[in-house]
Protein backbone atom coordinates (compact mmCIF):
# COMPACT_ATOMS: atom_id res chain seq x y z
CA GLN A 1 0.00 0.00 0.00
CA VAL A 2 1.43 3.34 -1.06
CA GLN A 3 1.57 6.03 1.60
CA LEU A 4 2.80 9.60 1.42
CA VAL A 5 2.99 11.36 4.76
CA GLU A 6 3.64 15.09 4.91
CA SER A 7 5.00 16.84 7.98
CA GLY A 8 6.59 20.12 9.01
CA GLY A 9 3.63 22.45 8.63
CA GLY A 10 2.50 24.87 11.29
CA LEU A 11 2.06 28.51 12.21
CA VAL A 12 4.85 30.89 11.22
CA GLN A 13 5.20 34.66 11.21
CA PRO A 14 5.60 36.59 7.95
CA GLY A 15 9.20 36.46 6.82
CA GLY A 16 9.77 33.12 8.52
CA SER A 17 10.77 29.73 7.14
CA LEU A 18 9.50 26.18 7.22
CA ARG A 19 10.72 22.93 5.75
CA LEU A 20 8.08 20.44 4.71
CA SER A 21 8.86 16.74 4.40
CA CYS A 22 6.99 14.00 2.59
CA ALA A 23 7.96 10.45 3.45
CA ALA A 24 6.95 7.78 0.95
CA SER A 25 6.45 4.07 1.50
CA GLY A 26 5.04 1.17 -0.48
CA LEU A 27 6.65 2.22 -3.74
CA THR A 28 10.06 2.33 -5.39
CA PHE A 29 10.67 5.98 -4.64
CA SER A 30 13.40 6.51 -7.22
CA ASN A 31 10.97 5.50 -9.99
CA TYR A 32 8.67 8.44 -9.33
CA ALA A 33 8.82 12.13 -9.95
CA MET A 34 7.60 14.14 -6.99
CA SER A 35 5.77 17.42 -6.65
CA TRP A 36 4.37 19.79 -4.05
CA HIS A 37 0.96 21.38 -4.46
CA ARG A 38 -1.06 23.69 -2.27
CA GLN A 39 -4.66 24.70 -1.78
CA GLY A 40 -5.41 27.98 -0.08
CA PRO A 41 -8.75 28.93 1.50
CA GLY A 42 -11.39 29.15 -1.21
CA LYS A 43 -8.88 28.40 -3.93
CA GLU A 44 -8.17 25.52 -6.26
CA ARG A 45 -5.21 23.24 -5.70
CA GLU A 46 -2.13 24.48 -7.55
CA LEU A 47 1.27 23.11 -8.45
CA VAL A 48 4.14 24.72 -6.55
CA ALA A 49 7.27 22.78 -7.49
CA SER A 50 8.32 19.46 -8.93
CA ILE A 51 11.42 17.30 -9.13
CA SER A 52 12.16 14.54 -11.59
CA ARG A 53 13.40 11.03 -10.89
CA LEU A 54 16.84 12.25 -11.91
CA ASP A 55 16.79 15.14 -9.40
CA ARG A 56 15.94 17.93 -11.82
CA ALA A 57 14.03 20.50 -9.79
CA THR A 58 11.52 22.96 -11.18
CA THR A 59 9.74 25.78 -9.37
CA ASP A 60 6.46 25.91 -11.21
CA LYS A 61 4.75 28.81 -9.50
CA ASP A 62 6.08 32.27 -10.23
CA SER A 63 5.16 33.75 -6.85
CA VAL A 64 7.38 31.29 -4.95
CA ARG A 65 10.36 31.25 -7.28
CA GLY A 66 13.48 32.27 -5.37
CA ARG A 67 11.81 31.54 -2.02
CA PHE A 68 10.85 27.85 -2.22
CA THR A 69 13.19 24.98 -3.07
CA ILE A 70 12.23 21.37 -3.71
CA SER A 71 14.69 18.55 -3.13
CA ARG A 72 14.67 14.81 -2.67
CA ASP A 73 16.65 12.16 -0.83
CA ASN A 74 16.16 8.79 -2.49
CA ALA A 75 18.00 7.02 0.32
CA LYS A 76 15.34 8.27 2.76
CA ASN A 77 12.38 8.03 0.35
CA THR A 78 11.64 11.64 1.17
CA VAL A 79 10.96 14.85 -0.72
CA TYR A 80 11.34 18.26 0.88
CA LEU A 81 10.06 21.77 0.32
CA GLN A 82 12.17 24.49 1.88
CA MET A 83 10.07 27.63 2.18
CA ASN A 84 11.68 30.96 3.02
CA SER A 85 10.38 34.52 3.28
CA LEU A 86 6.88 33.27 3.85
CA ASN A 87 3.97 35.67 3.51
CA PRO A 88 0.26 35.37 4.33
CA GLU A 89 -0.52 34.48 0.70
CA ASP A 90 1.41 31.25 1.23
CA THR A 91 -1.18 30.07 3.75
CA ALA A 92 -2.56 26.78 2.44
CA VAL A 93 -2.70 23.05 2.88
CA TYR A 94 0.40 21.65 1.21
CA TYR A 95 0.26 18.25 -0.50
CA CYS A 96 2.93 16.06 -2.01
CA LYS A 97 2.38 13.82 -4.99
CA ALA A 98 4.30 10.91 -6.44
CA PHE A 99 3.71 10.32 -10.13
CA ASN A 100 4.88 8.57 -13.24
CA THR A 101 3.29 7.81 -16.60
CA ASN A 102 0.69 5.47 -15.17
CA GLU A 103 0.17 6.38 -11.52
CA ASN A 104 -0.52 9.27 -9.14
CA TYR A 105 -0.40 9.12 -5.37
CA TRP A 106 -1.26 11.95 -2.99
CA GLY A 107 -0.50 12.61 0.63
CA GLN A 108 -3.08 13.82 3.13
CA GLY A 109 -1.66 17.33 3.36
CA THR A 110 -0.10 19.54 6.02
CA GLN A 111 -1.40 22.96 7.02
CA VAL A 112 0.85 25.99 6.70
CA THR A 113 -0.43 29.22 8.22
CA VAL A 114 1.51 32.46 7.85
CA SER A 115 0.24 35.06 10.27
CA SER A 116 1.46 37.57 12.82
């Protein structure tokens, strides 16, 4: 059974940082590209960043480019999202996804709230 478990969310002040983790099990992690998505209050889920099987990282959302960095550790079956200079517009539930040509798996999400 495939499981993706996100962690590291919480309440942070504007300008602060958080590092999200997504631990995968039940799959051959190195065979999957990984991505982070988020869904803010009243908004649709959107792609934030992705990283290929071969460790090529892409920041897909313009508003986080230069602030957010995706990375992966295949030895730990984990993908990370380092988030710096957070602002209230980054408040959302953050989800990780594992995907390849034939399959998609989602985690349950972790809440990030940016507020003073």
